[in-house]
Amino acid sequence: MTFTLPELPYAHDALAPYMSKETLEFHHDKHHLAYVTNGNALLKGTEWENKPLAEIVKGSFGKNVALFNNAAQHYNHTEFWKWLKPMGGGAIPGALEKALIGSLGSVEKAKADLIQAGVTQFGSGWAWLSVVDGKIVATKTANGENPLVHGGQPILGLDVWEHSYYIDYRNRRPDYLKAVVDNLVNWDYVAELYAAAMN
């Protein structure tokens, strides 16, 4: 199953002022495209060639580092574009809200834990909300790793590689994370993934 670069589900300038057109042109059109191109080259002739993306990510982890890095980043970014939307943030659907409160104490605490995970991830990586054993947890991973390879089901991931924020925020990673959580998260999509993870 070859990787293809998904279209953005909105215009390149639709997430401004929190994420600029220039950032999306670099992040989606160049960085994500590179993971797709490199991933396809590395996939050829391997045992994972015709497998679904999530299976490639899990199967190559710890076995084929180069393929894993590109496949995981393709997976992460394909979801990342859907985790964002213009005029995002705001109200969280009921079942997800209840689960965030039950798992992490409150919605505000869940958001704070997610932001803190991103702030404290040293170097490149991701901050996550994922479902583990029926509970939502906030975690962080280095580079392209994601909860799939650590026994979790990701429901929201925030990219903290510098290419995701440096054009707009320079070195102010906390400001970027807060802006995304408050203004861009597509909580409806997160709720869909939460419901699927609980089935």
Protein backbone atom coordinates (compact mmCIF):
# COMPACT_ATOMS: atom_id res chain seq x y z
CA MET A 1 0.00 0.00 0.00
CA THR A 2 1.89 3.06 -1.20
CA PHE A 3 1.81 6.29 0.77
CA THR A 4 0.13 9.31 -0.77
CA LEU A 5 0.15 12.88 0.46
CA PRO A 6 -3.39 13.73 1.58
CA GLU A 7 -4.93 17.02 0.53
CA LEU A 8 -5.29 19.49 3.38
CA PRO A 9 -8.94 19.54 4.51
CA TYR A 10 -8.85 23.39 4.37
CA ALA A 11 -7.01 26.14 2.50
CA HIS A 12 -3.37 26.81 3.38
CA ASP A 13 -4.32 30.14 4.96
CA ALA A 14 -7.41 28.85 6.83
CA LEU A 15 -5.64 28.33 10.20
CA ALA A 16 -4.21 31.86 10.37
CA PRO A 17 -3.32 33.71 12.53
CA TYR A 18 -2.48 30.70 14.74
CA MET A 19 -0.75 28.77 11.96
CA SER A 20 0.29 30.75 8.90
CA LYS A 21 -0.05 29.93 5.21
CA GLU A 22 3.77 29.81 5.02
CA THR A 23 3.96 27.25 7.83
CA LEU A 24 1.44 24.99 6.11
CA GLU A 25 3.20 25.35 2.76
CA PHE A 26 6.43 24.14 4.35
CA HIS A 27 4.94 21.67 6.82
CA HIS A 28 2.42 19.94 4.53
CA ASP A 29 3.78 20.53 1.04
CA LYS A 30 7.45 19.90 1.84
CA HIS A 31 8.00 18.07 5.14
CA HIS A 32 5.02 15.71 4.91
CA LEU A 33 5.70 15.11 1.20
CA ALA A 34 9.29 14.10 2.07
CA TYR A 35 8.01 11.43 4.52
CA VAL A 36 5.71 10.09 1.78
CA THR A 37 8.45 10.03 -0.88
CA ASN A 38 11.10 8.51 1.38
CA GLY A 39 8.62 6.10 2.94
CA ASN A 40 7.56 4.75 -0.46
CA ALA A 41 11.18 4.16 -1.48
CA LEU A 42 11.91 2.35 1.81
CA LEU A 43 8.70 0.29 1.68
CA LYS A 44 9.53 -1.40 -1.64
CA GLY A 45 10.44 -5.05 -1.28
CA THR A 46 9.75 -5.25 2.46
CA GLU A 47 7.30 -7.55 4.22
CA TRP A 48 5.08 -4.52 4.90
CA GLU A 49 4.72 -3.45 1.27
CA ASN A 50 0.97 -4.11 0.97
CA LYS A 51 -0.04 -3.59 4.59
CA PRO A 52 -2.23 -0.76 6.01
CA LEU A 53 -0.31 2.23 7.37
CA ALA A 54 -0.96 1.54 11.08
CA GLU A 55 0.32 -2.02 10.60
CA ILE A 56 3.47 -0.76 8.86
CA VAL A 57 4.09 1.64 11.77
CA LYS A 58 3.67 -1.09 14.41
CA GLY A 59 5.49 -3.77 12.43
CA SER A 60 8.56 -1.73 11.49
CA PHE A 61 9.07 -0.27 14.99
CA GLY A 62 12.40 -1.51 16.34
CA LYS A 63 13.03 -3.54 13.15
CA ASN A 64 13.47 -1.07 10.31
CA VAL A 65 14.34 2.34 11.72
CA ALA A 66 14.34 4.33 8.48
CA LEU A 67 11.02 2.91 7.29
CA PHE A 68 9.48 3.35 10.73
CA ASN A 69 10.55 7.01 10.95
CA ASN A 70 8.94 7.90 7.61
CA ALA A 71 5.84 5.70 8.00
CA ALA A 72 5.17 6.96 11.54
CA GLN A 73 5.58 10.58 10.51
CA HIS A 74 3.25 9.99 7.53
CA TYR A 75 0.68 8.48 9.93
CA ASN A 76 1.14 11.28 12.48
CA HIS A 77 0.82 14.05 9.91
CA THR A 78 -2.12 12.49 8.06
CA GLU A 79 -3.99 12.58 11.38
CA PHE A 80 -2.54 15.95 12.42
CA TRP A 81 -4.22 17.81 9.54
CA LYS A 82 -7.57 16.31 10.63
CA TRP A 83 -6.95 17.18 14.30
CA LEU A 84 -6.94 20.85 13.28
CA LYS A 85 -9.69 23.00 11.82
CA PRO A 86 -10.41 26.69 11.30
CA MET A 87 -12.33 28.10 14.28
CA GLY A 88 -11.45 25.00 16.30
CA GLY A 89 -11.15 24.66 20.06
CA GLY A 90 -14.38 25.47 21.84
CA ALA A 91 -16.95 22.99 23.11
CA ILE A 92 -16.00 19.34 23.48
CA PRO A 93 -18.62 16.69 22.61
CA GLY A 94 -20.31 15.19 25.68
CA ALA A 95 -18.93 11.63 25.81
CA LEU A 96 -15.37 12.84 25.22
CA GLU A 97 -15.75 15.63 27.78
CA LYS A 98 -16.95 13.09 30.35
CA ALA A 99 -14.03 10.79 29.56
CA LEU A 100 -11.49 13.62 29.88
CA ILE A 101 -12.92 14.55 33.28
CA GLY A 102 -13.02 10.90 34.41
CA SER A 103 -9.49 10.16 33.22
CA LEU A 104 -7.60 13.39 33.90
CA GLY A 105 -9.70 15.28 36.48
CA SER A 106 -11.09 18.09 34.31
CA VAL A 107 -11.05 19.37 30.74
CA GLU A 108 -8.69 22.17 31.77
CA LYS A 109 -6.32 19.66 33.40
CA ALA A 110 -6.42 17.47 30.28
CA LYS A 111 -5.49 20.46 28.10
CA ALA A 112 -2.79 21.56 30.55
CA ASP A 113 -1.33 18.04 30.69
CA LEU A 114 -1.25 17.84 26.89
CA ILE A 115 0.46 21.24 26.59
CA GLN A 116 2.93 20.33 29.35
CA ALA A 117 3.80 17.08 27.55
CA GLY A 118 4.62 19.12 24.45
CA VAL A 119 6.57 21.78 26.32
CA THR A 120 8.71 19.19 28.12
CA GLN A 121 9.42 16.96 25.11
CA PHE A 122 13.15 17.49 24.65
CA GLY A 123 13.99 18.03 20.99
CA SER A 124 11.65 16.83 18.24
CA GLY A 125 8.55 14.82 18.97
CA TRP A 126 4.83 14.82 19.69
CA ALA A 127 2.42 15.39 22.58
CA TRP A 128 -0.56 13.02 22.76
CA LEU A 129 -3.91 12.21 24.20
CA SER A 130 -4.45 8.49 23.73
CA VAL A 131 -6.67 5.72 25.03
CA VAL A 132 -4.87 3.08 27.11
CA ASP A 133 -6.91 0.39 28.88
CA GLY A 134 -10.10 2.43 28.50
CA LYS A 135 -8.62 5.62 30.01
CA ILE A 136 -7.36 8.78 28.31
CA VAL A 137 -3.72 9.57 29.08
CA ALA A 138 -1.47 12.49 28.16
CA THR A 139 2.00 11.44 26.99
CA LYS A 140 4.89 12.55 24.82
CA THR A 141 7.09 10.71 22.35
CA ALA A 142 10.39 11.48 20.64
CA ASN A 143 10.75 12.00 16.90
CA GLY A 144 8.07 10.04 14.98
CA GLU A 145 7.03 7.60 17.70
CA ASN A 146 3.36 7.54 18.59
CA PRO A 147 1.07 5.71 21.04
CA LEU A 148 0.42 2.88 18.54
CA VAL A 149 3.84 1.42 19.37
CA HIS A 150 3.35 1.84 23.12
CA GLY A 151 0.02 0.04 23.53
CA GLY A 152 -2.22 3.09 23.08
CA GLN A 153 -4.70 4.40 20.52
CA PRO A 154 -3.94 8.04 19.62
CA ILE A 155 -6.95 10.37 19.63
CA LEU A 156 -5.09 13.73 19.49
CA GLY A 157 -1.48 14.53 18.67
CA LEU A 158 0.35 17.85 18.58
CA ASP A 159 3.51 18.14 16.52
CA VAL A 160 6.39 19.75 18.42
CA TRP A 161 9.04 19.44 15.73
CA GLU A 162 10.38 22.94 15.07
CA HIS A 163 9.03 22.89 11.49
CA SER A 164 5.51 22.98 12.93
CA TYR A 165 5.93 26.31 14.71
CA TYR A 166 9.25 28.07 14.11
CA ILE A 167 8.07 30.33 11.26
CA ASP A 168 5.19 31.68 13.39
CA TYR A 169 6.45 31.42 16.96
CA ARG A 170 10.25 31.17 16.68
CA ASN A 171 11.34 29.40 19.90
CA ARG A 172 8.06 29.99 21.78
CA ARG A 173 6.81 26.40 21.79
CA PRO A 174 4.45 26.93 24.79
CA ASP A 175 2.69 29.80 22.96
CA TYR A 176 2.24 27.63 19.85
CA LEU A 177 0.79 24.74 21.86
CA LYS A 178 -1.62 26.98 23.77
CA ALA A 179 -2.76 28.67 20.54
CA VAL A 180 -3.44 25.32 18.87
CA VAL A 181 -5.30 23.83 21.85
CA ASP A 182 -7.40 26.97 22.38
CA ASN A 183 -8.17 27.79 18.74
CA LEU A 184 -7.52 24.96 16.29
CA VAL A 185 -8.28 21.52 17.77
CA ASN A 186 -11.05 19.67 15.94
CA TRP A 187 -12.69 18.15 19.02
CA ASP A 188 -15.40 16.49 16.90
CA TYR A 189 -12.74 14.40 15.17
CA VAL A 190 -11.04 13.63 18.51
CA ALA A 191 -14.44 12.46 19.82
CA GLU A 192 -14.88 10.17 16.78
CA LEU A 193 -11.48 8.58 17.41
CA TYR A 194 -12.26 8.22 21.11
CA ALA A 195 -15.55 6.43 20.33
CA ALA A 196 -13.77 4.11 17.86
CA ALA A 197 -11.03 3.34 20.42
CA MET A 198 -13.66 2.37 23.01
CA ASN A 199 -15.46 -0.08 20.68
